[in-house]
């Protein structure tokens, strides 16, 4: 059975929320501080949050972390990143990371399409 666009996005976000709650339940002060720093790092500063999320997307693609890619795609969508901006970021990640990133790019485009159709 093929998931709807809403199901694709909602199931990822719900699982992430539940698993983060578990991490924070069992995590010690280092884990909690890291989560806080991560949140602070992507706020507006000298660089706008939108730019930081695009950077996070590229880094996640190069590191080949599908969960991180989806998270940053969510954040990019919430920060009004356009499809052409997202594509340029993905293409930058392809140049930096090489052809091994292509399977992740496929899934990124599938997820982005689900986000913009949602």
C-alpha atoms as a PDB file:
ATOM      1  CA  UNK A   1       0.000   0.000   0.000  1.00  0.00           C
ATOM      2  CA  UNK A   2       1.312   3.425  -0.963  1.00  0.00           C
ATOM      3  CA  UNK A   3       1.223   6.071   1.762  1.00  0.00           C
ATOM      4  CA  UNK A   4      -0.442   9.396   1.071  1.00  0.00           C
ATOM      5  CA  UNK A   5       1.609  12.587   1.203  1.00  0.00           C
ATOM      6  CA  UNK A   6       0.054  13.429   4.571  1.00  0.00           C
ATOM      7  CA  UNK A   7       0.899   9.963   5.917  1.00  0.00           C
ATOM      8  CA  UNK A   8       4.530  10.230   4.776  1.00  0.00           C
ATOM      9  CA  UNK A   9       5.052  13.561   6.535  1.00  0.00           C
ATOM     10  CA  UNK A  10       2.901  12.882   9.595  1.00  0.00           C
ATOM     11  CA  UNK A  11       4.372   9.449  10.318  1.00  0.00           C
ATOM     12  CA  UNK A  12       7.929  10.806  10.217  1.00  0.00           C
ATOM     13  CA  UNK A  13       7.067  13.762  12.451  1.00  0.00           C
ATOM     14  CA  UNK A  14       5.141  11.636  14.949  1.00  0.00           C
ATOM     15  CA  UNK A  15       7.873   8.999  15.221  1.00  0.00           C
ATOM     16  CA  UNK A  16      10.524  11.709  15.624  1.00  0.00           C
ATOM     17  CA  UNK A  17       8.490  13.360  18.381  1.00  0.00           C
ATOM     18  CA  UNK A  18       8.029  10.056  20.255  1.00  0.00           C
ATOM     19  CA  UNK A  19      11.677   9.043  19.923  1.00  0.00           C
ATOM     20  CA  UNK A  20      12.933  12.478  20.986  1.00  0.00           C
ATOM     21  CA  UNK A  21      10.749  12.204  24.082  1.00  0.00           C
ATOM     22  CA  UNK A  22      12.447   8.887  24.900  1.00  0.00           C
ATOM     23  CA  UNK A  23      15.905  10.346  24.336  1.00  0.00           C
ATOM     24  CA  UNK A  24      15.120  13.263  26.644  1.00  0.00           C
ATOM     25  CA  UNK A  25      13.572  10.939  29.236  1.00  0.00           C
ATOM     26  CA  UNK A  26      16.703   8.798  29.484  1.00  0.00           C
ATOM     27  CA  UNK A  27      19.345  11.287  28.369  1.00  0.00           C
ATOM     28  CA  UNK A  28      21.579  12.991  30.840  1.00  0.00           C
ATOM     29  CA  UNK A  29      22.616  16.628  30.986  1.00  0.00           C
ATOM     30  CA  UNK A  30      25.005  16.327  28.017  1.00  0.00           C
ATOM     31  CA  UNK A  31      22.236  15.037  25.752  1.00  0.00           C
ATOM     32  CA  UNK A  32      19.827  17.721  26.931  1.00  0.00           C
ATOM     33  CA  UNK A  33      22.425  20.456  26.412  1.00  0.00           C
ATOM     34  CA  UNK A  34      23.170  19.144  22.931  1.00  0.00           C
ATOM     35  CA  UNK A  35      19.470  19.241  22.001  1.00  0.00           C
ATOM     36  CA  UNK A  36      19.292  22.815  23.314  1.00  0.00           C
ATOM     37  CA  UNK A  37      22.398  23.882  21.379  1.00  0.00           C
ATOM     38  CA  UNK A  38      21.005  22.305  18.218  1.00  0.00           C
ATOM     39  CA  UNK A  39      17.803  24.318  18.577  1.00  0.00           C
ATOM     40  CA  UNK A  40      19.722  27.540  19.250  1.00  0.00           C
ATOM     41  CA  UNK A  41      22.115  27.012  16.326  1.00  0.00           C
ATOM     42  CA  UNK A  42      19.314  27.166  13.758  1.00  0.00           C
ATOM     43  CA  UNK A  43      17.741  30.411  15.010  1.00  0.00           C
ATOM     44  CA  UNK A  44      18.137  33.705  13.179  1.00  0.00           C
ATOM     45  CA  UNK A  45      21.507  35.333  13.723  1.00  0.00           C
ATOM     46  CA  UNK A  46      24.074  36.756  11.331  1.00  0.00           C
ATOM     47  CA  UNK A  47      22.653  34.133   8.972  1.00  0.00           C
ATOM     48  CA  UNK A  48      18.885  33.796   8.683  1.00  0.00           C
ATOM     49  CA  UNK A  49      17.303  30.556   9.896  1.00  0.00           C
ATOM     50  CA  UNK A  50      16.351  29.754   6.300  1.00  0.00           C
ATOM     51  CA  UNK A  51      20.009  29.764   5.232  1.00  0.00           C
ATOM     52  CA  UNK A  52      21.046  27.703   8.248  1.00  0.00           C
ATOM     53  CA  UNK A  53      18.409  25.082   7.441  1.00  0.00           C
ATOM     54  CA  UNK A  54      19.697  24.862   3.864  1.00  0.00           C
ATOM     55  CA  UNK A  55      23.208  24.373   5.262  1.00  0.00           C
ATOM     56  CA  UNK A  56      21.851  21.698   7.602  1.00  0.00           C
ATOM     57  CA  UNK A  57      20.172  20.020   4.646  1.00  0.00           C
ATOM     58  CA  UNK A  58      23.434  19.917   2.677  1.00  0.00           C
ATOM     59  CA  UNK A  59      25.384  18.587   5.670  1.00  0.00           C
ATOM     60  CA  UNK A  60      22.744  15.925   6.314  1.00  0.00           C
ATOM     61  CA  UNK A  61      22.816  14.869   2.679  1.00  0.00           C
ATOM     62  CA  UNK A  62      26.604  14.601   2.648  1.00  0.00           C
ATOM     63  CA  UNK A  63      26.478  12.600   5.902  1.00  0.00           C
ATOM     64  CA  UNK A  64      23.706  10.452   4.344  1.00  0.00           C
ATOM     65  CA  UNK A  65      21.279  10.717   7.264  1.00  0.00           C
ATOM     66  CA  UNK A  66      17.743  10.293   5.920  1.00  0.00           C
ATOM     67  CA  UNK A  67      16.121  11.298   9.216  1.00  0.00           C
ATOM     68  CA  UNK A  68      18.196  14.490   9.310  1.00  0.00           C
ATOM     69  CA  UNK A  69      17.417  15.212   5.662  1.00  0.00           C
ATOM     70  CA  UNK A  70      13.679  14.913   6.363  1.00  0.00           C
ATOM     71  CA  UNK A  71      13.984  17.087   9.467  1.00  0.00           C
ATOM     72  CA  UNK A  72      15.795  19.840   7.559  1.00  0.00           C
ATOM     73  CA  UNK A  73      13.345  19.577   4.665  1.00  0.00           C
ATOM     74  CA  UNK A  74      10.543  20.133   7.202  1.00  0.00           C
ATOM     75  CA  UNK A  75      12.382  23.146   8.594  1.00  0.00           C
ATOM     76  CA  UNK A  76      13.143  24.473   5.109  1.00  0.00           C
ATOM     77  CA  UNK A  77       9.464  24.196   4.214  1.00  0.00           C
ATOM     78  CA  UNK A  78       8.478  26.044   7.409  1.00  0.00           C
ATOM     79  CA  UNK A  79      11.049  28.752   6.614  1.00  0.00           C
ATOM     80  CA  UNK A  80       9.561  29.327   3.139  1.00  0.00           C
ATOM     81  CA  UNK A  81      12.428  27.805   1.187  1.00  0.00           C
ATOM     82  CA  UNK A  82      11.334  27.587  -2.435  1.00  0.00           C
ATOM     83  CA  UNK A  83      11.689  24.451  -4.500  1.00  0.00           C
ATOM     84  CA  UNK A  84      14.434  26.030  -6.653  1.00  0.00           C
ATOM     85  CA  UNK A  85      16.371  26.989  -3.475  1.00  0.00           C
ATOM     86  CA  UNK A  86      16.001  23.461  -2.126  1.00  0.00           C
ATOM     87  CA  UNK A  87      17.139  21.980  -5.443  1.00  0.00           C
ATOM     88  CA  UNK A  88      20.278  24.156  -5.466  1.00  0.00           C
ATOM     89  CA  UNK A  89      21.087  23.052  -1.923  1.00  0.00           C
ATOM     90  CA  UNK A  90      20.601  19.401  -2.885  1.00  0.00           C
ATOM     91  CA  UNK A  91      22.810  19.887  -5.941  1.00  0.00           C
ATOM     92  CA  UNK A  92      25.503  21.417  -3.740  1.00  0.00           C
ATOM     93  CA  UNK A  93      25.288  18.343  -1.521  1.00  0.00           C
ATOM     94  CA  UNK A  94      25.625  16.119  -4.586  1.00  0.00           C
ATOM     95  CA  UNK A  95      28.798  17.924  -5.662  1.00  0.00           C
ATOM     96  CA  UNK A  96      30.290  17.736  -2.155  1.00  0.00           C
ATOM     97  CA  UNK A  97      29.130  14.204  -1.341  1.00  0.00           C
ATOM     98  CA  UNK A  98      29.327  12.560  -4.740  1.00  0.00           C
ATOM     99  CA  UNK A  99      27.189   9.918  -6.356  1.00  0.00           C
ATOM    100  CA  UNK A 100      26.751   7.973  -3.111  1.00  0.00           C
ATOM    101  CA  UNK A 101      24.249  10.673  -2.076  1.00  0.00           C
ATOM    102  CA  UNK A 102      21.918   9.909  -5.008  1.00  0.00           C
ATOM    103  CA  UNK A 103      19.718   7.358  -3.151  1.00  0.00           C
ATOM    104  CA  UNK A 104      19.260   9.961  -0.395  1.00  0.00           C
ATOM    105  CA  UNK A 105      18.466  12.627  -2.980  1.00  0.00           C
ATOM    106  CA  UNK A 106      15.742  10.399  -4.411  1.00  0.00           C
ATOM    107  CA  UNK A 107      14.146  10.062  -0.986  1.00  0.00           C
ATOM    108  CA  UNK A 108      14.625  13.782  -0.300  1.00  0.00           C
ATOM    109  CA  UNK A 109      12.707  14.746  -3.433  1.00  0.00           C
ATOM    110  CA  UNK A 110       9.954  12.261  -2.571  1.00  0.00           C
ATOM    111  CA  UNK A 111       9.652  13.772   0.904  1.00  0.00           C
ATOM    112  CA  UNK A 112       9.776  17.361  -0.407  1.00  0.00           C
ATOM    113  CA  UNK A 113       7.002  16.567  -2.845  1.00  0.00           C
ATOM    114  CA  UNK A 114       4.917  15.173   0.018  1.00  0.00           C
ATOM    115  CA  UNK A 115       5.585  18.357   2.042  1.00  0.00           C
ATOM    116  CA  UNK A 116       4.537  20.738  -0.699  1.00  0.00           C
ATOM    117  CA  UNK A 117       1.417  18.707  -1.542  1.00  0.00           C
ATOM    118  CA  UNK A 118       0.379  18.357   2.111  1.00  0.00           C
END
